[in-house]
Protein backbone atom coordinates (compact mmCIF):
# COMPACT_ATOMS: atom_id res chain seq x y z
CA UNK A 1 20.10 27.87 48.55
CA UNK A 2 20.90 31.55 49.12
CA UNK A 3 19.95 33.98 46.91
CA UNK A 4 22.82 36.38 46.84
CA UNK A 5 22.88 40.00 45.08
CA UNK A 6 26.61 40.89 44.92
CA UNK A 7 27.11 44.64 44.53
CA UNK A 8 30.47 46.47 43.14
CA UNK A 9 31.11 50.07 42.47
CA UNK A 10 33.89 50.31 40.03
CA UNK A 11 36.06 53.35 39.09
CA UNK A 12 38.49 53.11 36.10
CA UNK A 13 39.20 49.41 36.71
CA UNK A 14 39.74 47.94 33.08
CA UNK A 15 42.46 45.70 34.04
CA UNK A 16 40.23 44.26 37.25
CA UNK A 17 36.43 44.06 36.34
CA UNK A 18 36.56 40.93 33.72
CA UNK A 19 38.65 38.90 36.12
CA UNK A 20 36.54 40.08 39.01
CA UNK A 21 33.36 39.15 37.52
CA UNK A 22 34.81 35.67 36.36
CA UNK A 23 35.63 34.71 40.01
CA UNK A 24 32.39 36.18 41.34
CA UNK A 25 30.44 33.94 39.07
CA UNK A 26 32.83 30.90 39.62
CA UNK A 27 32.13 30.93 43.14
CA UNK A 28 28.27 31.73 42.93
CA UNK A 29 28.21 28.55 40.55
CA UNK A 30 30.03 26.25 42.73
CA UNK A 31 27.83 26.70 45.54
CA UNK A 32 24.62 26.78 43.66
CA UNK A 33 23.70 30.24 44.65
CA UNK A 34 20.53 32.02 42.96
CA UNK A 35 22.72 35.19 42.14
CA UNK A 36 22.79 38.23 40.32
CA UNK A 37 25.97 40.38 39.67
CA UNK A 38 25.90 44.15 39.82
CA UNK A 39 28.66 46.31 38.60
CA UNK A 40 28.20 50.34 39.01
CA UNK A 41 30.49 52.36 37.02
CA UNK A 42 31.23 55.51 38.85
CA UNK A 43 31.66 57.51 35.58
CA UNK A 44 34.91 55.89 34.57
CA UNK A 45 37.18 57.60 31.84
CA UNK A 46 38.77 54.39 30.66
CA UNK A 47 37.69 51.24 28.93
CA UNK A 48 35.78 49.74 32.12
CA UNK A 49 32.43 50.59 30.51
CA UNK A 50 33.03 48.62 27.45
CA UNK A 51 34.63 45.77 29.01
CA UNK A 52 31.69 45.47 31.65
CA UNK A 53 28.88 45.57 28.49
CA UNK A 54 30.52 42.15 27.59
CA UNK A 55 29.99 40.44 30.50
CA UNK A 56 27.58 37.95 31.24
CA UNK A 57 25.62 37.51 33.80
CA UNK A 58 25.55 41.34 34.57
CA UNK A 59 23.86 43.98 35.58
CA UNK A 60 25.60 47.16 34.43
CA UNK A 61 24.88 50.80 36.00
CA UNK A 62 26.62 53.61 34.43
CA UNK A 63 26.58 56.93 36.72
CA UNK A 64 26.10 60.14 34.95
CA UNK A 65 29.21 61.47 36.34
CA UNK A 66 31.78 60.35 39.25
CA UNK A 67 29.71 60.72 42.39
CA UNK A 68 31.87 58.45 44.63
CA UNK A 69 31.88 55.19 46.17
CA UNK A 70 29.16 55.82 48.93
CA UNK A 71 26.77 56.90 45.75
CA UNK A 72 27.51 54.27 43.76
CA UNK A 73 27.09 51.53 46.31
CA UNK A 74 23.57 53.06 47.35
CA UNK A 75 22.52 52.91 43.45
CA UNK A 76 23.66 49.49 43.45
CA UNK A 77 22.04 48.37 46.73
CA UNK A 78 18.81 49.94 45.72
CA UNK A 79 18.92 47.95 42.46
CA UNK A 80 19.67 44.68 44.25
CA UNK A 81 16.61 42.32 44.38
CA UNK A 82 17.70 39.08 46.27
CA UNK A 83 17.77 38.05 50.32
CA UNK A 84 21.43 38.82 50.81
CA UNK A 85 23.63 41.68 49.72
CA UNK A 86 27.22 41.70 49.33
CA UNK A 87 29.42 44.65 48.78
CA UNK A 88 32.71 44.59 47.95
CA UNK A 89 35.62 46.81 45.89
CA UNK A 90 36.23 46.34 42.30
CA UNK A 91 39.93 46.46 42.63
CA UNK A 92 40.45 42.94 43.07
CA UNK A 93 41.66 43.10 46.58
CA UNK A 94 38.50 41.43 48.19
CA UNK A 95 38.44 37.88 47.61
CA UNK A 96 35.19 36.52 46.40
CA UNK A 97 36.01 33.23 47.60
CA UNK A 98 35.26 34.64 51.41
CA UNK A 99 31.59 35.08 50.59
CA UNK A 100 30.26 31.22 51.24
CA UNK A 101 32.33 31.48 54.83
CA UNK A 102 30.78 35.10 55.52
CA UNK A 103 27.03 33.87 54.33
CA UNK A 104 27.18 30.91 56.74
CA UNK A 105 28.56 32.88 59.50
CA UNK A 106 25.78 35.09 59.16
CA UNK A 107 22.74 32.68 59.22
CA UNK A 108 24.55 30.57 61.85
CA UNK A 109 25.02 33.36 64.13
CA UNK A 110 21.85 35.08 63.12
CA UNK A 111 23.30 38.22 62.36
CA UNK A 112 21.90 41.19 60.04
CA UNK A 113 25.29 42.43 58.91
CA UNK A 114 28.84 40.14 58.48
CA UNK A 115 31.58 42.81 58.10
CA UNK A 116 34.92 41.73 56.46
CA UNK A 117 38.18 42.05 58.89
CA UNK A 118 41.23 42.32 56.77
CA UNK A 119 43.43 41.07 59.28
CA UNK A 120 46.72 40.66 57.34
CA UNK A 121 46.43 43.67 55.03
CA UNK A 122 48.49 43.99 51.42
CA UNK A 123 48.52 47.88 51.55
CA UNK A 124 51.16 50.51 51.66
CA UNK A 125 52.36 51.51 55.10
CA UNK A 126 50.85 55.00 54.96
CA UNK A 127 47.49 53.64 53.97
CA UNK A 128 47.59 51.20 56.85
CA UNK A 129 48.66 53.87 59.09
CA UNK A 130 45.97 56.52 57.89
CA UNK A 131 43.32 53.53 58.27
CA UNK A 132 44.54 52.70 61.71
CA UNK A 133 44.01 56.23 62.92
CA UNK A 134 40.59 56.26 61.57
CA UNK A 135 39.65 52.83 62.97
CA UNK A 136 41.00 54.17 66.55
CA UNK A 137 38.66 57.48 65.85
CA UNK A 138 35.56 55.57 64.81
CA UNK A 139 36.30 53.20 67.97
CA UNK A 140 35.98 56.01 70.31
CA UNK A 141 33.23 58.04 68.55
CA UNK A 142 30.84 55.30 66.82
CA UNK A 143 31.46 52.00 69.03
CA UNK A 144 30.27 49.82 66.21
CA UNK A 145 32.09 46.86 67.57
CA UNK A 146 34.00 45.65 64.34
CA UNK A 147 38.02 46.48 63.77
CA UNK A 148 37.88 47.29 60.12
CA UNK A 149 35.06 49.52 58.94
CA UNK A 150 37.13 50.41 55.63
CA UNK A 151 36.73 46.66 54.45
CA UNK A 152 33.99 47.08 51.32
CA UNK A 153 33.67 43.38 51.81
CA UNK A 154 30.34 43.00 53.79
CA UNK A 155 26.93 40.84 53.64
CA UNK A 156 23.71 42.34 54.74
CA UNK A 157 20.32 40.95 54.69
CA UNK A 158 18.11 42.96 52.54
CA UNK A 159 15.96 44.54 54.95
CA UNK A 160 18.62 46.43 56.42
CA UNK A 161 18.45 49.17 53.99
CA UNK A 162 14.69 49.55 54.02
CA UNK A 163 14.50 53.43 54.31
CA UNK A 164 18.12 53.78 54.30
CA UNK A 165 19.93 56.48 51.96
CA UNK A 166 23.66 56.92 52.06
CA UNK A 167 25.71 59.67 51.04
CA UNK A 168 28.89 61.27 51.56
CA UNK A 169 31.65 58.72 52.65
CA UNK A 170 29.20 56.28 54.75
CA UNK A 171 29.72 53.50 53.11
CA UNK A 172 32.71 52.86 55.44
CA UNK A 173 30.19 53.40 58.65
CA UNK A 174 27.09 51.20 57.14
CA UNK A 175 27.63 48.57 59.87
CA UNK A 176 27.29 51.58 62.43
CA UNK A 177 24.23 53.23 61.08
CA UNK A 178 22.67 49.76 60.92
CA UNK A 179 23.36 49.14 64.52
CA UNK A 180 22.18 52.21 65.60
CA UNK A 181 18.81 51.06 64.55
CA UNK A 182 19.01 47.92 66.29
CA UNK A 183 20.63 45.39 63.52
CA UNK A 184 23.26 42.89 64.62
CA UNK A 185 26.51 43.16 63.36
CA UNK A 186 29.00 40.59 63.10
CA UNK A 187 32.78 40.23 62.11
CA UNK A 188 34.73 37.52 59.71
CA UNK A 189 38.36 37.46 58.81
CA UNK A 190 38.96 37.85 55.23
CA UNK A 191 41.91 37.59 52.90
CA UNK A 192 43.30 40.80 51.35
CA UNK A 193 44.77 40.57 48.13
CA UNK A 194 47.57 43.39 46.86
CA UNK A 195 46.50 45.35 43.96
CA UNK A 196 47.91 44.25 40.71
CA UNK A 197 45.92 46.36 38.41
CA UNK A 198 45.06 50.17 38.04
CA UNK A 199 45.55 52.72 40.89
CA UNK A 200 44.31 53.49 44.17
CA UNK A 201 41.40 56.01 44.61
CA UNK A 202 41.95 56.78 48.16
CA UNK A 203 43.63 60.22 49.14
CA UNK A 204 43.48 62.92 51.97
CA UNK A 205 40.37 64.12 50.44
CA UNK A 206 38.26 61.11 51.17
CA UNK A 207 40.01 60.76 54.81
CA UNK A 208 38.78 63.98 55.43
CA UNK A 209 35.30 63.76 54.22
CA UNK A 210 35.40 60.39 56.09
CA UNK A 211 36.12 61.73 59.16
CA UNK A 212 33.44 64.45 58.80
CA UNK A 213 30.90 61.63 58.09
CA UNK A 214 32.21 59.85 61.28
CA UNK A 215 31.24 62.91 63.31
CA UNK A 216 27.79 62.83 61.69
CA UNK A 217 27.53 59.51 62.42
CA UNK A 218 28.23 59.76 66.31
CA UNK A 219 25.93 62.92 66.35
CA UNK A 220 23.10 60.88 64.93
CA UNK A 221 23.67 58.03 67.46
CA UNK A 222 23.91 60.14 70.07
CA UNK A 223 21.27 63.05 69.63
CA UNK A 224 19.44 62.39 66.52
CA UNK A 225 16.28 61.71 68.64
CA UNK A 226 17.35 64.41 71.47
CA UNK A 227 19.27 67.19 69.88
CA UNK A 228 18.14 69.51 72.71
CA UNK A 229 20.10 67.27 75.20
CA UNK A 230 23.58 68.42 73.40
CA UNK A 231 22.78 71.65 72.21
CA UNK A 232 20.38 72.71 75.16
CA UNK A 233 23.09 71.40 77.64
CA UNK A 234 26.04 73.60 75.87
CA UNK A 235 23.41 76.25 76.11
CA UNK A 236 23.18 76.20 79.77
CA UNK A 237 26.89 75.97 80.13
CA UNK A 238 27.52 79.16 78.40
CA UNK A 239 24.64 80.89 80.26
CA UNK A 240 26.19 79.54 83.50
CA UNK A 241 29.29 80.99 82.45
CA UNK A 242 27.84 84.55 81.57
CA UNK A 243 26.24 84.40 84.95
CA UNK A 244 29.62 83.99 86.63
CA UNK A 245 31.14 86.79 84.44
CA UNK A 246 27.95 88.95 85.14
CA UNK A 247 28.63 88.62 88.90
CA UNK A 248 32.28 89.30 88.46
CA UNK A 249 31.46 92.25 86.92
CA UNK A 250 28.87 93.45 89.58
CA UNK A 251 31.64 92.59 92.37
CA UNK A 252 34.20 95.02 90.59
CA UNK A 253 31.17 97.66 90.19
CA UNK A 254 30.35 97.54 93.82
CA UNK A 255 34.20 97.64 94.70
CA UNK A 256 34.24 100.71 93.01
CA UNK A 257 36.20 99.76 89.94
CA UNK A 258 35.47 101.89 86.63
CA UNK A 259 34.46 99.78 84.08
CA UNK A 260 35.68 102.16 81.30
CA UNK A 261 39.22 101.07 82.03
CA UNK A 262 38.29 97.22 81.35
CA UNK A 263 35.43 96.42 79.46
CA UNK A 264 36.20 92.72 79.50
CA UNK A 265 34.10 91.29 82.23
CA UNK A 266 30.89 92.86 80.90
CA UNK A 267 31.64 92.21 77.48
CA UNK A 268 31.89 88.35 78.45
CA UNK A 269 29.03 88.48 80.13
CA UNK A 270 26.99 89.72 77.24
CA UNK A 271 28.84 87.23 75.03
CA UNK A 272 28.32 84.31 77.16
CA UNK A 273 24.52 85.15 77.42
CA UNK A 274 23.94 85.30 73.90
CA UNK A 275 25.76 82.09 72.89
CA UNK A 276 23.76 80.58 75.54
CA UNK A 277 20.55 81.63 74.41
CA UNK A 278 21.10 80.98 70.61
CA UNK A 279 22.60 77.34 71.42
CA UNK A 280 19.13 76.81 73.39
CA UNK A 281 16.95 78.15 70.67
CA UNK A 282 19.01 76.13 68.16
CA UNK A 283 18.46 72.74 70.34
CA UNK A 284 14.51 73.80 70.25
CA UNK A 285 14.59 74.20 66.27
CA UNK A 286 16.50 71.13 66.13
CA UNK A 287 14.18 69.21 68.35
CA UNK A 288 11.15 70.27 66.23
CA UNK A 289 13.12 69.60 62.79
CA UNK A 290 13.74 65.92 64.32
CA UNK A 291 10.14 65.52 64.91
CA UNK A 292 9.40 66.60 61.43
CA UNK A 293 11.93 64.70 59.86
CA UNK A 294 10.44 61.37 61.48
CA UNK A 295 6.99 62.43 60.77
CA UNK A 296 7.25 62.60 56.99
CA UNK A 297 10.38 61.00 56.07
CA UNK A 298 10.57 57.14 55.61
CA UNK A 299 13.20 56.61 58.06
CA UNK A 300 12.78 56.02 61.52
CA UNK A 301 15.14 55.71 65.06
CA UNK A 302 14.30 52.18 64.98
CA UNK A 303 13.67 48.91 62.88
CA UNK A 304 11.13 46.23 63.48
CA UNK A 305 12.97 42.88 63.44
CA UNK A 306 10.06 40.58 63.54
CA UNK A 307 6.14 40.66 65.17
CA UNK A 308 4.94 37.71 66.90
CA UNK A 309 1.16 37.30 67.74
CA UNK A 310 0.16 34.77 70.31
CA UNK A 311 -3.28 33.62 70.15
CA UNK A 312 -5.58 31.91 72.30
CA UNK A 313 -5.81 28.97 70.24
CA UNK A 314 -1.94 28.73 69.82
């Protein structure tokens, strides 16, 4: 019997929360799960909170203000107590009927994470266009091995989130973050339903924030444990350019060219050398900061899945 925590961030979804709760409860009862349903109200200004308080069983968490979907999801994940954590949107576009298949697939393939793939999306053309562009960038930068990072319907083993804190718009990149730590990630085709009530919360601001967080995940994946390789490498490139400009300045001087007529070569030399030194220093400082981070923070650059001890009596 699966022990499942269903985590659902909601914001101004008064027309959806009751029916979504009914669907989740029905699926869990039908499959004889030990379950808990957690709704995180991200500062709703409509009747969402009032309706949630009438639903049973439900753990209702209300944020003090609208902090964003990632913050709400992080709060719900931290409140989850059972073995498997299911995350999904509160707009009913994710179908709870996909949960049993995803759970079976995760266990059968021994994955740590299974992400939903909305292969046939029921969104507007513009939303699908932006999403595909974001997925292309994510594929080029992050390489998390999934088609649809924007799908909130995902299933995780609870141990995935030990020492993990989410911020910004990082809920889209949880599989990538976990894959960096060594967790295995799979994908499962899910249904996607058209929105029947309420308004979409996505806008250009969230798209921009998501792109910035994508860069952050890329940097963390590539250089979190070795920032000097990136910043120091850039510094060396600038120092080489400074050296070339310096040689250019010396050649011009030896040929009798008056520098007062054109200060560009020496100015470029000084500029490139200063930038190169600064980048190298920043790299060294970042290296020190990362060592301090991993020394005092609960997070690590790796995750141990299991420990096996073979003794002589085995």
